[in-house]
Amino acid sequence: MNKLNKICVFCGSSAGNDPEISAMAITLGNVFVKRDITLVYGAAKIGVMGTIAQTMLDQDGEVIGVIPEFLKVKEVVHEGLTALHTTKNMHDRKLMMQEISDGFITLPGGFGTLEELFEVITWQQLGLHSKPIGLLNVNGFYDQLIAMLRTMVKRGLLSEGNFRLLLVDTTIEGLLQKMEQFNAPQAPKWLKPERT
């Protein structure tokens, strides 16, 4: 069973227009506090990102933010976090978030959220880490994305095994259970980090 002490959450810096998304972010923050899970996220105090972070901070939860230097002037950085790490660039940001986390959950978001999700799942596919990756499908938000992935499998561009690397659920408890029970496939023996 995977011990999930720190979970990185990918989500939007916008709040969007679906109140169920913000409500789920609040619920996820409450579950993290109850389970003593540290949140690792992108360090903003706005949007869905800010909602989950503030929910936890209001209950003395542990929240670690990671942000590249150049985004500090473009995003509203949360100054009340448990810890704030500043990186040189976006790649270093994602690398640090991956290194300090035990698993990943993706909430609804935009381009940046999807980019983070697909980079971390590609790293797992390549054998660079073996941590569970969850997709929290709030109010059907990711239905079309999941359908697109199934099309990739059907067309022979994505293996069924790699498709199953992404753990999907509509509930927090169901997703956390899948993440705790996840067993990563053995990495290809030919793959070395310096080859990626």
Protein backbone atom coordinates (compact mmCIF):
# COMPACT_ATOMS: atom_id res chain seq x y z
CA MET A 1 0.00 0.00 0.00
CA ASN A 2 1.30 3.44 -0.95
CA LYS A 3 1.81 5.90 1.89
CA LEU A 4 0.46 9.24 0.72
CA ASN A 5 1.96 11.80 3.09
CA LYS A 6 2.31 14.54 0.47
CA ILE A 7 0.02 14.84 -2.55
CA CYS A 8 0.59 17.27 -5.38
CA VAL A 9 -2.65 18.75 -6.72
CA PHE A 10 -2.80 20.14 -10.24
CA CYS A 11 -5.71 22.56 -10.74
CA GLY A 12 -6.74 25.88 -12.21
CA SER A 13 -5.58 29.34 -11.22
CA SER A 14 -9.08 30.40 -12.31
CA ALA A 15 -12.21 29.55 -10.33
CA GLY A 16 -14.23 28.79 -13.48
CA ASN A 17 -18.03 28.98 -13.51
CA ASP A 18 -19.01 25.60 -12.06
CA PRO A 19 -19.56 25.87 -8.28
CA GLU A 20 -19.16 22.09 -7.93
CA ILE A 21 -15.47 22.44 -8.81
CA SER A 22 -14.78 24.90 -5.98
CA ALA A 23 -16.90 22.78 -3.64
CA MET A 24 -14.81 19.71 -4.50
CA ALA A 25 -11.59 21.66 -3.89
CA ILE A 26 -12.87 22.58 -0.42
CA THR A 27 -13.86 18.98 0.28
CA LEU A 28 -10.47 17.71 -0.90
CA GLY A 29 -8.71 20.21 1.37
CA ASN A 30 -10.82 19.03 4.31
CA VAL A 31 -10.00 15.39 3.57
CA PHE A 32 -6.28 16.19 3.38
CA VAL A 33 -6.41 17.91 6.79
CA LYS A 34 -8.38 15.02 8.31
CA ARG A 35 -5.89 12.48 6.93
CA ASP A 36 -2.85 14.64 7.80
CA ILE A 37 -1.82 14.86 4.13
CA THR A 38 0.39 17.76 3.06
CA LEU A 39 -0.70 19.65 -0.05
CA VAL A 40 1.92 20.38 -2.71
CA TYR A 41 0.68 22.83 -5.34
CA GLY A 42 1.51 25.81 -7.55
CA ALA A 43 1.57 28.47 -4.79
CA ALA A 44 -1.24 30.78 -5.98
CA LYS A 45 -3.95 32.20 -3.73
CA ILE A 46 -6.42 32.62 -6.60
CA GLY A 47 -8.76 30.24 -8.39
CA VAL A 48 -9.18 26.57 -7.55
CA MET A 49 -5.55 26.57 -6.39
CA GLY A 50 -6.23 29.20 -3.79
CA THR A 51 -9.45 27.55 -2.65
CA ILE A 52 -7.87 24.25 -1.67
CA ALA A 53 -4.82 25.92 -0.13
CA GLN A 54 -6.82 28.35 2.00
CA THR A 55 -9.22 25.62 3.09
CA MET A 56 -6.29 23.71 4.54
CA LEU A 57 -4.47 26.70 6.01
CA ASP A 58 -7.61 27.76 7.85
CA GLN A 59 -7.43 24.41 9.68
CA ASP A 60 -3.65 24.52 10.26
CA GLY A 61 -3.02 22.06 7.44
CA GLU A 62 0.40 21.78 5.82
CA VAL A 63 0.66 23.48 2.40
CA ILE A 64 3.80 23.64 0.25
CA GLY A 65 3.84 25.98 -2.75
CA VAL A 66 6.25 25.75 -5.69
CA ILE A 67 6.44 28.56 -8.24
CA PRO A 68 8.96 29.75 -10.85
CA GLU A 69 10.45 33.19 -10.30
CA PHE A 70 8.93 34.75 -13.42
CA LEU A 71 5.36 33.85 -12.38
CA LYS A 72 5.63 35.72 -9.11
CA VAL A 73 4.83 38.96 -10.92
CA LYS A 74 2.00 37.43 -12.98
CA GLU A 75 0.19 35.38 -10.38
CA VAL A 76 -0.97 36.31 -6.92
CA VAL A 77 1.37 34.26 -4.77
CA HIS A 78 0.03 33.01 -1.44
CA GLU A 79 2.28 34.45 1.25
CA GLY A 80 0.86 32.45 4.15
CA LEU A 81 1.96 28.97 3.13
CA THR A 82 3.75 26.47 5.34
CA ALA A 83 6.62 26.59 2.84
CA LEU A 84 7.20 28.36 -0.47
CA HIS A 85 9.83 27.21 -2.96
CA THR A 86 10.92 29.39 -5.87
CA THR A 87 12.43 27.75 -8.96
CA LYS A 88 14.27 29.09 -12.00
CA ASN A 89 11.73 27.90 -14.55
CA MET A 90 8.63 25.79 -15.19
CA HIS A 91 10.57 22.56 -15.71
CA ASP A 92 12.34 22.90 -12.35
CA ARG A 93 8.97 23.66 -10.75
CA LYS A 94 7.41 20.43 -12.03
CA LEU A 95 10.53 18.44 -11.17
CA MET A 96 10.48 19.71 -7.57
CA MET A 97 6.75 19.06 -7.21
CA GLN A 98 7.28 15.50 -8.43
CA GLU A 99 10.28 14.89 -6.18
CA ILE A 100 8.63 16.01 -2.94
CA SER A 101 5.23 14.37 -3.55
CA ASP A 102 4.05 10.80 -2.96
CA GLY A 103 1.27 11.03 -5.53
CA PHE A 104 -0.74 13.39 -7.74
CA ILE A 105 -4.38 14.43 -8.06
CA THR A 106 -5.69 16.51 -10.95
CA LEU A 107 -8.75 18.69 -10.41
CA PRO A 108 -10.38 20.65 -13.25
CA GLY A 109 -8.22 23.32 -14.84
CA GLY A 110 -6.99 24.68 -18.16
CA PHE A 111 -3.96 24.18 -20.40
CA GLY A 112 -1.46 24.35 -17.55
CA THR A 113 -3.31 21.73 -15.53
CA LEU A 114 -3.43 19.32 -18.47
CA GLU A 115 0.24 19.97 -19.28
CA GLU A 116 1.25 19.12 -15.72
CA LEU A 117 -0.90 15.97 -15.71
CA PHE A 118 0.42 14.65 -19.01
CA GLU A 119 4.04 15.42 -18.22
CA VAL A 120 3.93 13.57 -14.90
CA ILE A 121 2.12 10.59 -16.44
CA THR A 122 4.63 10.52 -19.32
CA TRP A 123 7.44 10.45 -16.76
CA GLN A 124 5.77 7.44 -15.16
CA GLN A 125 5.28 5.75 -18.53
CA LEU A 126 9.02 6.19 -19.13
CA GLY A 127 9.84 4.71 -15.74
CA LEU A 128 11.14 7.93 -14.16
CA HIS A 129 8.86 7.56 -11.15
CA SER A 130 6.32 5.04 -9.84
CA LYS A 131 3.93 7.31 -7.93
CA PRO A 132 0.12 7.08 -8.32
CA ILE A 133 -1.58 9.65 -10.54
CA GLY A 134 -5.26 10.38 -9.97
CA LEU A 135 -7.83 12.25 -12.03
CA LEU A 136 -10.77 13.58 -10.00
CA ASN A 137 -13.57 13.78 -12.55
CA VAL A 138 -15.74 16.49 -11.00
CA ASN A 139 -19.24 16.83 -12.45
CA GLY A 140 -18.21 15.11 -15.69
CA PHE A 141 -15.49 17.69 -16.38
CA TYR A 142 -13.05 15.11 -17.78
CA ASP A 143 -15.56 12.84 -19.57
CA GLN A 144 -14.41 13.95 -23.03
CA LEU A 145 -10.74 13.68 -22.09
CA ILE A 146 -11.24 10.11 -20.89
CA ALA A 147 -13.12 9.35 -24.11
CA MET A 148 -10.19 10.78 -26.11
CA LEU A 149 -7.75 8.54 -24.26
CA ARG A 150 -9.94 5.53 -25.02
CA THR A 151 -9.88 6.57 -28.69
CA MET A 152 -6.06 6.61 -28.53
CA VAL A 153 -6.16 3.04 -27.22
CA LYS A 154 -8.66 1.99 -29.89
CA ARG A 155 -6.51 3.49 -32.64
CA GLY A 156 -3.37 1.79 -31.34
CA LEU A 157 -1.56 4.97 -30.25
CA LEU A 158 -1.81 4.33 -26.51
CA SER A 159 -1.44 0.93 -24.90
CA GLU A 160 -4.11 -0.34 -22.54
CA GLY A 161 -1.43 -0.68 -19.86
CA ASN A 162 -0.41 2.96 -20.16
CA PHE A 163 -4.06 4.03 -20.23
CA ARG A 164 -4.50 2.32 -16.86
CA LEU A 165 -1.67 4.39 -15.35
CA LEU A 166 -4.22 7.18 -14.94
CA LEU A 167 -6.47 6.43 -11.98
CA VAL A 168 -9.93 7.96 -12.41
CA ASP A 169 -12.77 8.42 -9.95
CA THR A 170 -15.63 10.83 -9.27
CA THR A 171 -15.14 10.65 -5.48
CA ILE A 172 -12.21 11.65 -3.31
CA GLU A 173 -12.31 8.55 -1.11
CA GLY A 174 -12.57 6.26 -4.12
CA LEU A 175 -9.63 7.96 -5.82
CA LEU A 176 -7.43 7.90 -2.71
CA GLN A 177 -8.15 4.20 -2.28
CA LYS A 178 -7.09 3.52 -5.87
CA MET A 179 -3.93 5.57 -5.33
CA GLU A 180 -3.06 3.74 -2.11
CA GLN A 181 -3.46 0.37 -3.86
CA PHE A 182 -1.66 1.34 -7.08
CA ASN A 183 1.24 -0.85 -8.20
CA ALA A 184 3.36 0.75 -10.89
CA PRO A 185 4.46 -1.49 -13.75
CA GLN A 186 8.12 -2.39 -13.87
CA ALA A 187 10.09 0.26 -15.71
CA PRO A 188 11.73 -0.73 -19.01
CA LYS A 189 15.21 -2.04 -18.28
CA TRP A 190 16.72 -0.09 -21.17
CA LEU A 191 15.51 3.26 -19.92
CA LYS A 192 17.90 5.48 -17.99
CA PRO A 193 17.11 8.99 -16.73
CA GLU A 194 19.98 10.44 -18.78
CA ARG A 195 18.34 9.10 -21.95
CA THR A 196 15.17 11.13 -21.53
